[in-house]
Amino acid sequence: MRDILPAAPLRSAEVFVLRAPVDEPVRTSFGIMRDRPAVLLRVEDEDGFWGWGEAWCNFPSCGAEHRGRLLAETVLPPALGAAWHEPGQLVRHVACKLHILRLQADEPGPMDQALACLDIALWDLAARRAGAPLHELLGDAAMSAMPAYASGINHPGVAETVNRMRKAGYRAFKVKIGFGREQDEANIRAALDTLLPGERLAVDANQAWTLEQALEILPRLREYPLLWVEEPLACDRPAEEWASLAASGSFSLAAGENMRSIATFEAAIAAAAIRVIQPDVCKWGGLTGCLRVARAALAAGLHYCPHYLGGGIGLLASAHLLAAVGGDGLLEVDCNPNPLRELLAEPFPRLEGGRFILSHEPGLGVAPDMDAVEAMLTFHARCR
């Protein structure tokens, strides 16, 4: 783990909101994405060092532009020109300045996502300033390759998607469920019938069930060799329900993408009903908050697997964090078409033998294709 060098104040920032059309919508148990959005932030300090961040913005469909304006008009003004030493310090300064506004607006989710975006951009800048890959600033594990899994596999064409992602280099897969018993079991069987020796499968219900429904459904899934069952309950259900579900079956439960405070994560880690902890760096906490969660999960003997379903900058931030903390976690990579995955992270890392390979370039090691960014802009703001 390298030291963070003294930082210069930020002198400018740019916010980009993009939308990429797709032929096939992305479907979950709770909603549909009819295009692929992204909110990007580029910050630059007074010495000319720069960094990129990304904010979660998948839902609602109008949410990307709102988060872009929130960044440009609310979050960035108190960040520009402020003294800072490490990313979390500056993000805490901004959050403190906006505390009353946050209470008044009652928009904790979008505010957290905008702050997470700023945190990622600052870490990228700090690593570029240090001349080191980001994972070397974040932790001691310093892995440059980690296992990845193909996520978001859904009907129709489950088997075809698994085969396509295997050809792309994946050896682990995750199927969407939560659409009803027949469809769910058909999706699972279609994937399992396609797996080769050594390949693994997880499932994701996207908060689709009540406790009573989950207690009825999960025993029927025991015959299937699943890595984990993700979000079988809504994220706001009490700890007693998660404990009851964990005690009822042999599955590892996974959750975390919709948790939104250190206290919530710490309580979940202490309870240990959820065995696979999945914070999303673009949705809450940025790299600073999720680093703390990942270390706590691993120290408790749990598994840390970052959640991610967005553009290329956030994916690389997730990868560097996983590389920094180590453990046996897998990197989530969306299998659905998304031009903003590769175009926003060039040169895009390669996948070899099921492992995602990071470069040794400074920072995230990637940057957006700005010609592609210009072609898909729906909002752009310069802040000084």
Protein backbone atom coordinates (compact mmCIF):
# COMPACT_ATOMS: atom_id res chain seq x y z
CA MET A 1 0.00 0.00 0.00
CA ARG A 2 1.53 3.30 -1.08
CA ASP A 3 1.25 6.62 0.70
CA ILE A 4 -1.02 9.27 -0.75
CA LEU A 5 1.01 12.31 -1.81
CA PRO A 6 -0.03 15.80 -0.68
CA ALA A 7 -2.83 17.01 -2.95
CA ALA A 8 -3.43 20.35 -4.63
CA PRO A 9 -6.94 21.88 -4.53
CA LEU A 10 -9.28 21.08 -7.41
CA ARG A 11 -9.38 23.89 -9.97
CA SER A 12 -12.02 22.50 -12.34
CA ALA A 13 -14.46 19.70 -12.97
CA GLU A 14 -16.63 18.48 -15.83
CA VAL A 15 -19.83 16.44 -15.64
CA PHE A 16 -20.99 14.29 -18.56
CA VAL A 17 -24.34 12.51 -18.77
CA LEU A 18 -24.56 9.92 -21.54
CA ARG A 19 -27.19 7.59 -22.94
CA ALA A 20 -26.41 4.72 -25.29
CA PRO A 21 -29.25 3.04 -27.22
CA VAL A 22 -29.53 -0.75 -27.00
CA ASP A 23 -31.54 -3.18 -29.10
CA GLU A 24 -32.66 -5.35 -26.17
CA PRO A 25 -33.90 -3.85 -22.88
CA VAL A 26 -32.31 -5.04 -19.64
CA ARG A 27 -35.01 -6.67 -17.49
CA THR A 28 -35.13 -7.24 -13.75
CA SER A 29 -37.92 -8.28 -11.38
CA PHE A 30 -38.53 -4.60 -10.50
CA GLY A 31 -37.94 -2.63 -13.71
CA ILE A 32 -36.63 -2.35 -17.26
CA MET A 33 -33.70 -0.36 -18.67
CA ARG A 34 -34.47 0.67 -22.25
CA ASP A 35 -31.10 2.37 -22.79
CA ARG A 36 -27.76 2.40 -20.96
CA PRO A 37 -27.04 5.66 -19.09
CA ALA A 38 -23.89 6.90 -17.39
CA VAL A 39 -22.91 9.91 -15.27
CA LEU A 40 -19.20 10.73 -15.46
CA LEU A 41 -17.09 13.24 -13.59
CA ARG A 42 -13.63 14.49 -14.52
CA VAL A 43 -11.77 16.51 -11.88
CA GLU A 44 -8.47 18.35 -12.31
CA ASP A 45 -6.25 19.86 -9.63
CA GLU A 46 -4.18 23.02 -9.71
CA ASP A 47 -1.08 21.02 -10.73
CA GLY A 48 -2.83 19.53 -13.78
CA PHE A 49 -3.43 16.01 -12.43
CA TRP A 50 -6.85 14.59 -13.24
CA GLY A 51 -9.16 11.71 -12.39
CA TRP A 52 -12.46 10.15 -13.46
CA GLY A 53 -15.47 9.03 -11.43
CA GLU A 54 -18.88 7.52 -12.17
CA ALA A 55 -22.24 7.68 -10.38
CA TRP A 56 -24.91 4.96 -10.29
CA CYS A 57 -27.88 6.18 -12.35
CA ASN A 58 -29.84 3.20 -13.70
CA PHE A 59 -33.23 3.97 -12.14
CA PRO A 60 -35.57 5.74 -12.51
CA SER A 61 -35.24 6.25 -16.25
CA CYS A 62 -34.90 10.03 -15.79
CA GLY A 63 -32.33 9.65 -13.00
CA ALA A 64 -29.08 10.17 -14.91
CA GLU A 65 -29.68 13.78 -15.84
CA HIS A 66 -30.84 14.57 -12.31
CA ARG A 67 -27.63 13.14 -10.83
CA GLY A 68 -25.56 15.04 -13.36
CA ARG A 69 -27.15 18.34 -12.37
CA LEU A 70 -26.86 17.45 -8.70
CA LEU A 71 -23.13 16.98 -9.15
CA ALA A 72 -22.61 20.15 -11.17
CA GLU A 73 -24.83 22.50 -9.21
CA THR A 74 -24.67 21.18 -5.64
CA VAL A 75 -21.81 18.76 -4.90
CA LEU A 76 -18.91 20.24 -6.85
CA PRO A 77 -19.03 23.93 -5.78
CA PRO A 78 -17.88 23.26 -2.18
CA ALA A 79 -15.23 20.80 -3.47
CA LEU A 80 -13.50 23.20 -5.86
CA GLY A 81 -10.64 25.13 -4.28
CA ALA A 82 -10.85 23.31 -0.94
CA ALA A 83 -7.68 21.95 0.66
CA TRP A 84 -7.52 18.16 0.96
CA HIS A 85 -5.02 15.42 1.71
CA GLU A 86 -6.93 12.22 0.93
CA PRO A 87 -10.19 11.59 -0.98
CA GLY A 88 -12.37 10.69 1.98
CA GLN A 89 -11.40 13.93 3.73
CA LEU A 90 -12.64 16.12 0.87
CA VAL A 91 -15.82 14.08 0.40
CA ARG A 92 -16.59 14.38 4.12
CA HIS A 93 -16.02 18.15 3.86
CA VAL A 94 -18.52 18.38 1.01
CA ALA A 95 -21.03 16.12 2.78
CA CYS A 96 -20.80 18.29 5.90
CA LYS A 97 -21.43 21.45 3.87
CA LEU A 98 -24.51 19.83 2.32
CA HIS A 99 -25.91 18.17 5.44
CA ILE A 100 -28.87 20.50 5.97
CA LEU A 101 -29.66 20.59 2.25
CA ARG A 102 -29.60 16.79 2.23
CA LEU A 103 -32.15 16.74 5.06
CA GLN A 104 -34.30 19.38 3.40
CA ALA A 105 -34.31 17.71 -0.02
CA ASP A 106 -34.78 14.20 1.42
CA GLU A 107 -32.77 12.68 -1.43
CA PRO A 108 -30.16 10.54 0.33
CA GLY A 109 -29.76 8.12 -2.58
CA PRO A 110 -28.90 10.57 -5.37
CA MET A 111 -26.73 12.57 -2.97
CA ASP A 112 -24.81 9.44 -1.94
CA GLN A 113 -24.32 8.51 -5.58
CA ALA A 114 -22.98 11.96 -6.46
CA LEU A 115 -20.60 11.89 -3.48
CA ALA A 116 -19.45 8.38 -4.43
CA CYS A 117 -18.68 9.66 -7.93
CA LEU A 118 -16.54 12.45 -6.50
CA ASP A 119 -14.73 10.01 -4.21
CA ILE A 120 -13.81 7.71 -7.12
CA ALA A 121 -12.55 10.62 -9.22
CA LEU A 122 -10.37 11.85 -6.34
CA TRP A 123 -8.85 8.40 -5.82
CA ASP A 124 -8.09 8.14 -9.55
CA LEU A 125 -6.43 11.56 -9.42
CA ALA A 126 -4.45 10.67 -6.28
CA ALA A 127 -3.15 7.47 -7.86
CA ARG A 128 -2.19 9.22 -11.08
CA ARG A 129 -0.40 11.84 -9.02
CA ALA A 130 1.49 9.06 -7.21
CA GLY A 131 2.29 7.34 -10.51
CA ALA A 132 0.81 4.07 -9.24
CA PRO A 133 -2.09 1.77 -10.13
CA LEU A 134 -5.08 2.60 -7.96
CA HIS A 135 -5.12 -0.75 -6.16
CA GLU A 136 -1.62 -0.05 -4.81
CA LEU A 137 -2.93 3.05 -3.03
CA LEU A 138 -6.00 1.25 -1.70
CA GLY A 139 -4.51 -1.87 -0.16
CA ASP A 140 -1.77 -4.41 0.30
CA ALA A 141 -3.13 -7.39 -1.63
CA ALA A 142 -2.18 -5.74 -4.93
CA MET A 143 -3.62 -8.46 -7.15
CA SER A 144 -3.51 -7.58 -10.84
CA ALA A 145 -5.89 -10.38 -11.87
CA MET A 146 -9.08 -11.56 -10.21
CA PRO A 147 -11.88 -14.00 -11.05
CA ALA A 148 -14.88 -12.43 -12.75
CA TYR A 149 -18.41 -13.60 -13.40
CA ALA A 150 -20.88 -12.78 -16.16
CA SER A 151 -23.92 -11.14 -14.57
CA GLY A 152 -27.45 -10.24 -15.68
CA ILE A 153 -28.21 -13.44 -17.61
CA ASN A 154 -31.94 -13.66 -18.25
CA HIS A 155 -34.60 -15.22 -20.43
CA PRO A 156 -34.97 -15.64 -23.30
CA GLY A 157 -31.79 -17.41 -24.35
CA VAL A 158 -30.16 -18.26 -21.01
CA ALA A 159 -28.12 -21.15 -22.41
CA GLU A 160 -27.08 -19.11 -25.43
CA THR A 161 -25.90 -16.26 -23.20
CA VAL A 162 -23.89 -18.59 -20.98
CA ASN A 163 -22.21 -20.07 -24.06
CA ARG A 164 -21.48 -16.60 -25.44
CA MET A 165 -19.95 -15.42 -22.18
CA ARG A 166 -17.91 -18.61 -21.86
CA LYS A 167 -16.42 -17.88 -25.29
CA ALA A 168 -15.59 -14.39 -23.97
CA GLY A 169 -13.55 -16.02 -21.19
CA TYR A 170 -15.93 -16.34 -18.21
CA ARG A 171 -16.09 -19.38 -15.95
CA ALA A 172 -18.79 -18.18 -13.52
CA PHE A 173 -22.27 -16.83 -14.25
CA LYS A 174 -25.29 -15.25 -12.54
CA VAL A 175 -28.89 -15.67 -13.65
CA LYS A 176 -31.80 -13.33 -12.91
CA ILE A 177 -34.76 -14.84 -11.05
CA GLY A 178 -37.79 -13.37 -9.27
CA PHE A 179 -40.19 -13.75 -12.23
CA GLY A 180 -42.29 -16.64 -10.86
CA ARG A 181 -41.57 -20.26 -10.01
CA GLU A 182 -41.74 -21.76 -13.49
CA GLN A 183 -39.65 -19.08 -15.16
CA ASP A 184 -37.10 -18.98 -12.35
CA GLU A 185 -36.50 -22.72 -12.32
CA ALA A 186 -36.40 -22.81 -16.12
CA ASN A 187 -33.69 -20.12 -16.06
CA ILE A 188 -31.64 -22.02 -13.46
CA ARG A 189 -31.95 -25.37 -15.23
CA ALA A 190 -31.07 -23.84 -18.60
CA ALA A 191 -27.88 -22.39 -17.14
CA LEU A 192 -26.88 -25.46 -15.14
CA ASP A 193 -27.43 -27.78 -18.09
CA THR A 194 -24.94 -25.67 -20.01
CA LEU A 195 -22.17 -25.49 -17.39
CA LEU A 196 -18.89 -27.32 -17.88
CA PRO A 197 -16.87 -28.93 -15.07
CA GLY A 198 -15.43 -26.28 -12.75
CA GLU A 199 -17.90 -23.59 -13.78
CA ARG A 200 -20.16 -21.95 -11.18
CA LEU A 201 -23.62 -20.36 -11.03
CA ALA A 202 -25.25 -17.76 -8.74
CA VAL A 203 -28.80 -16.35 -8.89
CA ASP A 204 -30.22 -12.88 -8.20
CA ALA A 205 -33.83 -12.26 -7.15
CA ASN A 206 -33.50 -8.44 -6.99
CA GLN A 207 -35.55 -8.11 -3.76
CA ALA A 208 -38.52 -9.89 -5.35
CA TRP A 209 -39.87 -11.88 -2.37
CA THR A 210 -41.38 -11.47 1.05
CA LEU A 211 -39.98 -13.67 3.83
CA GLU A 212 -42.91 -16.05 3.46
CA GLN A 213 -42.33 -16.35 -0.29
CA ALA A 214 -38.60 -16.85 0.15
CA LEU A 215 -39.14 -19.56 2.78
CA GLU A 216 -41.40 -21.35 0.31
CA ILE A 217 -39.18 -20.91 -2.74
CA LEU A 218 -35.64 -21.52 -1.45
CA PRO A 219 -36.18 -25.14 -0.30
CA ARG A 220 -37.16 -25.99 -3.88
CA LEU A 221 -33.82 -24.63 -5.07
CA ARG A 222 -31.72 -26.85 -2.77
CA GLU A 223 -31.24 -29.43 -5.49
CA TYR A 224 -29.32 -26.87 -7.53
CA PRO A 225 -25.60 -26.22 -6.77
CA LEU A 226 -25.69 -22.43 -6.45
CA LEU A 227 -22.86 -20.14 -5.35
CA TRP A 228 -25.31 -17.77 -3.67
CA VAL A 229 -28.86 -16.45 -3.74
CA GLU A 230 -28.76 -12.66 -4.04
CA GLU A 231 -31.28 -10.25 -2.54
CA PRO A 232 -34.07 -12.74 -1.84
CA LEU A 233 -35.56 -10.09 0.48
CA ALA A 234 -35.95 -6.32 0.25
CA CYS A 235 -32.94 -4.50 1.65
CA ASP A 236 -35.04 -2.79 4.33
CA ARG A 237 -36.32 -6.01 5.90
CA PRO A 238 -35.30 -6.45 9.56
CA ALA A 239 -32.28 -8.50 10.57
CA GLU A 240 -34.56 -11.14 12.09
CA GLU A 241 -35.96 -11.99 8.65
CA TRP A 242 -32.51 -12.40 7.12
CA ALA A 243 -31.49 -14.57 10.07
CA SER A 244 -34.61 -16.72 9.68
CA LEU A 245 -33.93 -17.19 5.99
CA ALA A 246 -30.27 -18.03 6.57
CA ALA A 247 -31.21 -20.62 9.19
CA SER A 248 -33.72 -22.29 6.89
CA GLY A 249 -31.42 -23.45 4.10
CA SER A 250 -27.96 -24.32 2.89
CA PHE A 251 -27.50 -21.36 0.54
CA SER A 252 -25.13 -18.46 1.01
CA LEU A 253 -27.21 -15.30 0.98
CA ALA A 254 -25.82 -12.23 -0.81
CA ALA A 255 -26.74 -8.55 -0.52
CA GLY A 256 -25.31 -5.07 -0.18
CA GLU A 257 -25.88 -3.10 -3.37
CA ASN A 258 -28.83 -1.31 -1.73
CA MET A 259 -27.32 -0.77 1.73
CA ARG A 260 -26.42 2.84 2.33
CA SER A 261 -24.51 3.44 5.55
CA ILE A 262 -21.53 2.13 7.48
CA ALA A 263 -23.85 1.28 10.36
CA THR A 264 -26.07 -0.84 8.11
CA PHE A 265 -23.11 -2.75 6.71
CA GLU A 266 -21.54 -3.24 10.12
CA ALA A 267 -24.78 -4.63 11.50
CA ALA A 268 -25.14 -7.02 8.57
CA ILE A 269 -21.52 -8.18 8.90
CA ALA A 270 -21.92 -8.74 12.65
CA ALA A 271 -25.12 -10.74 12.16
CA ALA A 272 -23.43 -12.90 9.46
CA ALA A 273 -26.76 -14.04 7.94
CA ILE A 274 -25.56 -12.49 4.68
CA ARG A 275 -22.39 -14.36 3.73
CA VAL A 276 -21.59 -12.47 0.51
CA ILE A 277 -21.28 -8.70 1.05
CA GLN A 278 -21.81 -6.62 -2.12
CA PRO A 279 -21.44 -2.83 -1.79
CA ASP A 280 -21.53 -0.79 -5.01
CA VAL A 281 -18.80 1.87 -5.22
CA CYS A 282 -20.91 4.09 -7.49
CA LYS A 283 -24.07 3.85 -5.41
CA TRP A 284 -22.83 4.49 -1.87
CA GLY A 285 -19.53 5.30 -0.20
CA GLY A 286 -17.28 5.42 -3.24
CA LEU A 287 -13.95 3.69 -2.80
CA THR A 288 -13.43 5.16 0.68
CA GLY A 289 -16.62 3.71 2.17
CA CYS A 290 -16.56 0.41 0.30
CA LEU A 291 -12.91 -0.19 1.22
CA ARG A 292 -13.91 -0.06 4.88
CA VAL A 293 -16.81 -2.44 4.27
CA ALA A 294 -14.69 -4.89 2.27
CA ARG A 295 -12.02 -5.06 4.95
CA ALA A 296 -14.62 -5.58 7.68
CA ALA A 297 -16.33 -8.37 5.71
CA LEU A 298 -13.08 -10.22 5.10
CA ALA A 299 -11.99 -9.80 8.72
CA ALA A 300 -15.29 -11.41 9.78
CA GLY A 301 -14.70 -14.43 7.55
CA LEU A 302 -17.30 -13.37 4.97
CA HIS A 303 -16.93 -12.94 1.22
CA TYR A 304 -16.57 -9.56 -0.49
CA CYS A 305 -17.91 -9.43 -4.06
CA PRO A 306 -18.45 -5.91 -5.41
CA HIS A 307 -21.79 -5.22 -7.05
CA TYR A 308 -21.68 -3.37 -10.36
CA LEU A 309 -23.95 -2.73 -13.34
CA GLY A 310 -22.92 0.43 -15.18
CA GLY A 311 -20.23 2.01 -17.36
CA GLY A 312 -16.54 1.32 -17.64
CA ILE A 313 -15.17 3.78 -15.07
CA GLY A 314 -17.21 2.29 -12.22
CA LEU A 315 -16.31 -1.23 -13.32
CA LEU A 316 -12.60 -0.44 -13.15
CA ALA A 317 -13.03 1.20 -9.75
CA SER A 318 -14.72 -1.99 -8.52
CA ALA A 319 -11.93 -4.10 -9.98
CA HIS A 320 -9.17 -2.05 -8.34
CA LEU A 321 -10.90 -2.26 -4.97
CA LEU A 322 -11.25 -6.03 -5.21
CA ALA A 323 -7.60 -6.25 -6.27
CA ALA A 324 -6.57 -4.11 -3.30
CA VAL A 325 -8.32 -6.09 -0.56
CA GLY A 326 -7.85 -9.61 -1.92
CA GLY A 327 -9.96 -12.49 -0.67
CA ASP A 328 -11.86 -14.99 -2.77
CA GLY A 329 -14.40 -12.56 -4.24
CA LEU A 330 -15.50 -12.39 -7.86
CA LEU A 331 -15.81 -9.24 -9.98
CA GLU A 332 -19.30 -8.67 -11.40
CA VAL A 333 -19.33 -7.87 -15.14
CA ASP A 334 -22.66 -7.26 -16.87
CA CYS A 335 -23.30 -9.58 -19.82
CA ASN A 336 -25.87 -7.29 -21.45
CA PRO A 337 -24.82 -5.08 -24.36
CA ASN A 338 -23.57 -1.71 -23.13
CA PRO A 339 -21.37 0.47 -25.36
CA LEU A 340 -20.52 2.59 -22.31
CA ARG A 341 -18.67 -0.28 -20.67
CA GLU A 342 -15.79 -0.46 -23.13
CA LEU A 343 -15.93 3.07 -24.59
CA LEU A 344 -15.62 4.69 -21.18
CA ALA A 345 -12.64 2.57 -20.12
CA GLU A 346 -9.98 2.46 -22.83
CA PRO A 347 -7.87 0.43 -23.18
CA PHE A 348 -10.42 -2.04 -21.80
CA PRO A 349 -8.83 -4.84 -19.73
CA ARG A 350 -8.70 -8.32 -21.18
CA LEU A 351 -10.17 -11.47 -19.65
CA GLU A 352 -7.99 -14.60 -19.51
CA GLY A 353 -9.07 -17.94 -18.08
CA GLY A 354 -11.98 -16.33 -16.27
CA ARG A 355 -9.78 -13.64 -14.70
CA PHE A 356 -10.01 -9.88 -15.25
CA ILE A 357 -6.52 -8.46 -15.88
CA LEU A 358 -5.63 -4.96 -14.65
CA SER A 359 -2.85 -2.93 -16.23
CA HIS A 360 0.01 -1.39 -14.28
CA GLU A 361 -0.75 2.11 -15.55
CA PRO A 362 -1.36 4.85 -12.97
CA GLY A 363 -4.80 5.38 -11.48
CA LEU A 364 -7.66 3.42 -12.98
CA GLY A 365 -5.43 2.77 -15.98
CA VAL A 366 -8.18 3.78 -18.40
CA ALA A 367 -9.97 6.87 -19.71
CA PRO A 368 -13.11 7.47 -21.81
CA ASP A 369 -13.10 7.73 -25.60
CA MET A 370 -14.04 11.41 -25.75
CA ASP A 371 -15.29 11.22 -29.33
CA ALA A 372 -17.77 8.57 -28.25
CA VAL A 373 -18.71 10.65 -25.20
CA GLU A 374 -19.53 13.67 -27.36
CA ALA A 375 -21.81 11.57 -29.56
CA MET A 376 -23.97 10.36 -26.65
CA LEU A 377 -24.18 13.46 -24.43
CA THR A 378 -27.51 14.48 -22.93
CA PHE A 379 -26.00 16.89 -20.36
CA HIS A 380 -22.59 18.55 -19.95
CA ALA A 381 -21.39 21.09 -17.41
CA ARG A 382 -18.02 22.73 -16.71
CA CYS A 383 -17.39 23.83 -13.15
CA ARG A 384 -14.63 26.19 -12.04
